[in-house]
């Protein structure tokens, strides 16, 4: 495994800033580590006003999420009911996509109310980090850590052990 420099770009699209300073620092650290292997962009979108009904919030956020992820060639929505991977299988999946010439993947994480059905239907795939439910801020950290782990596996580096 491992093919030198990766040309694929990962785009992490989510609603709102990570307010928990400790989680934000960890996310930044993993983004920096991941950048050694692949270009990785975090796109934080403005939250819809929470005083609105959940359906209205989901719809307003769906518009922002779909617009931000629209330039990506491939969209993956994160949802607890999606497909799950082992770390090894995730690494193999990302590597195969790169070898097949995929240029960009957008990973989409919803806000407090999750993702609207419209966002999930527009995704090329739906993945799950776990059957457990996490806060959207924790899901951000888990996703970027697992992406970093996958790239260390691809490159044969010892982090994953």
Protein backbone atom coordinates (compact mmCIF):
# COMPACT_ATOMS: atom_id res chain seq x y z
CA UNK A 1 0.00 0.00 0.00
CA UNK A 2 0.95 3.63 -0.29
CA UNK A 3 1.62 5.57 -3.48
CA UNK A 4 3.52 8.69 -2.52
CA UNK A 5 1.64 11.95 -2.68
CA UNK A 6 -2.12 11.76 -2.82
CA UNK A 7 -3.90 14.10 -5.20
CA UNK A 8 -7.32 13.51 -3.71
CA UNK A 9 -8.88 16.22 -1.58
CA UNK A 10 -11.05 15.63 1.46
CA UNK A 11 -13.63 18.25 2.32
CA UNK A 12 -15.25 18.09 5.75
CA UNK A 13 -18.49 20.06 5.71
CA UNK A 14 -20.43 20.66 8.89
CA UNK A 15 -22.84 23.01 10.58
CA UNK A 16 -21.49 25.44 13.16
CA UNK A 17 -18.16 26.03 14.78
CA UNK A 18 -16.79 23.52 17.26
CA UNK A 19 -17.51 25.37 20.49
CA UNK A 20 -15.75 22.98 22.85
CA UNK A 21 -12.20 24.35 22.81
CA UNK A 22 -10.66 20.96 23.65
CA UNK A 23 -12.44 19.23 20.76
CA UNK A 24 -11.56 22.10 18.41
CA UNK A 25 -7.88 21.77 19.33
CA UNK A 26 -7.95 18.02 18.69
CA UNK A 27 -9.73 18.50 15.36
CA UNK A 28 -7.12 21.08 14.34
CA UNK A 29 -4.32 18.72 15.39
CA UNK A 30 -5.71 15.83 13.33
CA UNK A 31 -6.33 18.13 10.37
CA UNK A 32 -2.67 19.18 10.53
CA UNK A 33 -1.52 15.54 10.77
CA UNK A 34 -3.82 14.48 7.94
CA UNK A 35 -2.44 17.25 5.70
CA UNK A 36 0.83 15.28 5.50
CA UNK A 37 -1.03 12.71 3.40
CA UNK A 38 -3.91 14.44 1.66
CA UNK A 39 -5.32 17.90 1.19
CA UNK A 40 -8.05 18.37 3.79
CA UNK A 41 -10.37 21.35 4.03
CA UNK A 42 -12.83 22.01 6.85
CA UNK A 43 -15.89 24.00 5.88
CA UNK A 44 -17.88 25.25 8.89
CA UNK A 45 -21.29 26.59 7.93
CA UNK A 46 -23.50 28.97 9.84
CA UNK A 47 -26.12 27.33 12.03
CA UNK A 48 -29.80 28.01 11.41
CA UNK A 49 -31.55 29.82 14.24
CA UNK A 50 -32.47 27.23 16.83
CA UNK A 51 -35.68 29.05 17.82
CA UNK A 52 -37.27 27.67 14.65
CA UNK A 53 -39.00 24.32 14.37
CA UNK A 54 -36.59 21.38 13.87
CA UNK A 55 -37.91 20.76 10.34
CA UNK A 56 -37.27 24.40 9.39
CA UNK A 57 -33.76 24.24 10.89
CA UNK A 58 -32.99 21.03 8.98
CA UNK A 59 -34.21 22.57 5.72
CA UNK A 60 -32.21 25.79 6.17
CA UNK A 61 -29.10 23.80 7.03
CA UNK A 62 -29.71 21.41 4.11
CA UNK A 63 -29.51 24.32 1.70
CA UNK A 64 -26.16 25.40 3.15
CA UNK A 65 -24.76 21.87 3.28
CA UNK A 66 -25.75 20.99 -0.27
CA UNK A 67 -24.36 24.25 -1.61
CA UNK A 68 -21.03 23.78 0.21
CA UNK A 69 -20.67 20.16 -0.91
CA UNK A 70 -21.93 20.71 -4.47
CA UNK A 71 -18.49 21.26 -5.99
CA UNK A 72 -17.26 17.92 -4.66
CA UNK A 73 -17.30 15.03 -7.02
CA UNK A 74 -18.47 12.58 -4.37
CA UNK A 75 -20.56 13.21 -1.26
CA UNK A 76 -20.70 11.05 1.85
CA UNK A 77 -23.31 11.87 4.49
CA UNK A 78 -22.60 10.76 8.05
CA UNK A 79 -25.59 9.18 9.75
CA UNK A 80 -25.89 6.53 12.45
CA UNK A 81 -27.84 4.27 10.06
CA UNK A 82 -25.16 4.33 7.37
CA UNK A 83 -22.56 1.79 6.33
CA UNK A 84 -19.89 1.03 8.92
CA UNK A 85 -16.24 0.21 8.29
CA UNK A 86 -13.33 -1.17 10.21
CA UNK A 87 -10.30 1.13 10.13
CA UNK A 88 -8.56 -1.27 7.75
CA UNK A 89 -11.54 -1.38 5.38
CA UNK A 90 -11.85 2.40 5.49
CA UNK A 91 -8.19 2.69 4.47
CA UNK A 92 -8.69 0.24 1.61
CA UNK A 93 -11.81 2.11 0.46
CA UNK A 94 -10.07 5.50 0.43
CA UNK A 95 -7.02 4.08 -1.30
CA UNK A 96 -9.14 2.37 -3.96
CA UNK A 97 -11.05 5.59 -4.63
CA UNK A 98 -7.80 7.45 -5.07
CA UNK A 99 -6.33 4.83 -7.39
CA UNK A 100 -9.56 4.94 -9.41
CA UNK A 101 -8.96 8.67 -9.94
CA UNK A 102 -11.44 10.21 -7.52
CA UNK A 103 -10.36 13.82 -7.03
CA UNK A 104 -12.48 14.97 -4.07
CA UNK A 105 -14.73 13.57 -1.38
CA UNK A 106 -16.99 15.73 0.76
CA UNK A 107 -17.98 14.33 4.15
CA UNK A 108 -21.16 15.98 5.45
CA UNK A 109 -22.11 16.16 9.14
CA UNK A 110 -25.34 17.79 10.27
CA UNK A 111 -26.02 20.06 13.21
CA UNK A 112 -28.02 19.56 16.41
CA UNK A 113 -30.92 17.92 14.58
CA UNK A 114 -28.77 15.79 12.26
CA UNK A 115 -29.19 15.74 8.48
CA UNK A 116 -32.36 16.26 6.50
CA UNK A 117 -33.61 13.47 4.28
CA UNK A 118 -32.85 15.70 1.31
CA UNK A 119 -29.14 15.80 2.21
CA UNK A 120 -29.02 12.04 2.74
CA UNK A 121 -30.81 11.41 -0.58
CA UNK A 122 -28.37 13.65 -2.44
CA UNK A 123 -25.35 11.83 -1.00
CA UNK A 124 -23.53 9.23 -3.06
CA UNK A 125 -23.12 7.15 0.08
CA UNK A 126 -24.15 7.23 3.73
CA UNK A 127 -21.58 6.17 6.27
CA UNK A 128 -21.80 5.65 10.00
CA UNK A 129 -19.08 6.13 12.58
CA UNK A 130 -20.99 3.87 14.97
CA UNK A 131 -24.48 2.72 15.84
CA UNK A 132 -24.09 4.88 18.91
CA UNK A 133 -25.30 8.47 18.69
CA UNK A 134 -22.66 11.18 19.17
CA UNK A 135 -22.92 14.92 19.45
CA UNK A 136 -22.18 16.53 16.12
CA UNK A 137 -18.98 18.00 17.60
CA UNK A 138 -17.77 14.57 18.76
CA UNK A 139 -18.62 13.10 15.35
CA UNK A 140 -16.32 15.69 13.76
CA UNK A 141 -13.41 14.56 15.90
CA UNK A 142 -14.13 10.86 15.33
CA UNK A 143 -14.33 11.35 11.56
CA UNK A 144 -11.08 13.28 11.21
CA UNK A 145 -9.24 10.90 13.55
CA UNK A 146 -10.43 7.89 11.55
CA UNK A 147 -9.43 9.56 8.28
CA UNK A 148 -5.97 10.19 9.73
CA UNK A 149 -5.79 6.58 10.95
CA UNK A 150 -6.78 5.35 7.47
CA UNK A 151 -3.97 7.31 5.84
CA UNK A 152 -1.40 6.03 8.32
CA UNK A 153 -2.55 2.51 7.42
CA UNK A 154 -2.28 3.28 3.70
CA UNK A 155 1.27 4.54 4.20
CA UNK A 156 2.30 1.79 6.62
CA UNK A 157 2.96 4.17 9.51
CA UNK A 158 2.70 2.87 13.08
CA UNK A 159 -0.07 5.19 14.41
CA UNK A 160 -2.83 2.63 13.87
CA UNK A 161 -1.18 -0.04 16.01
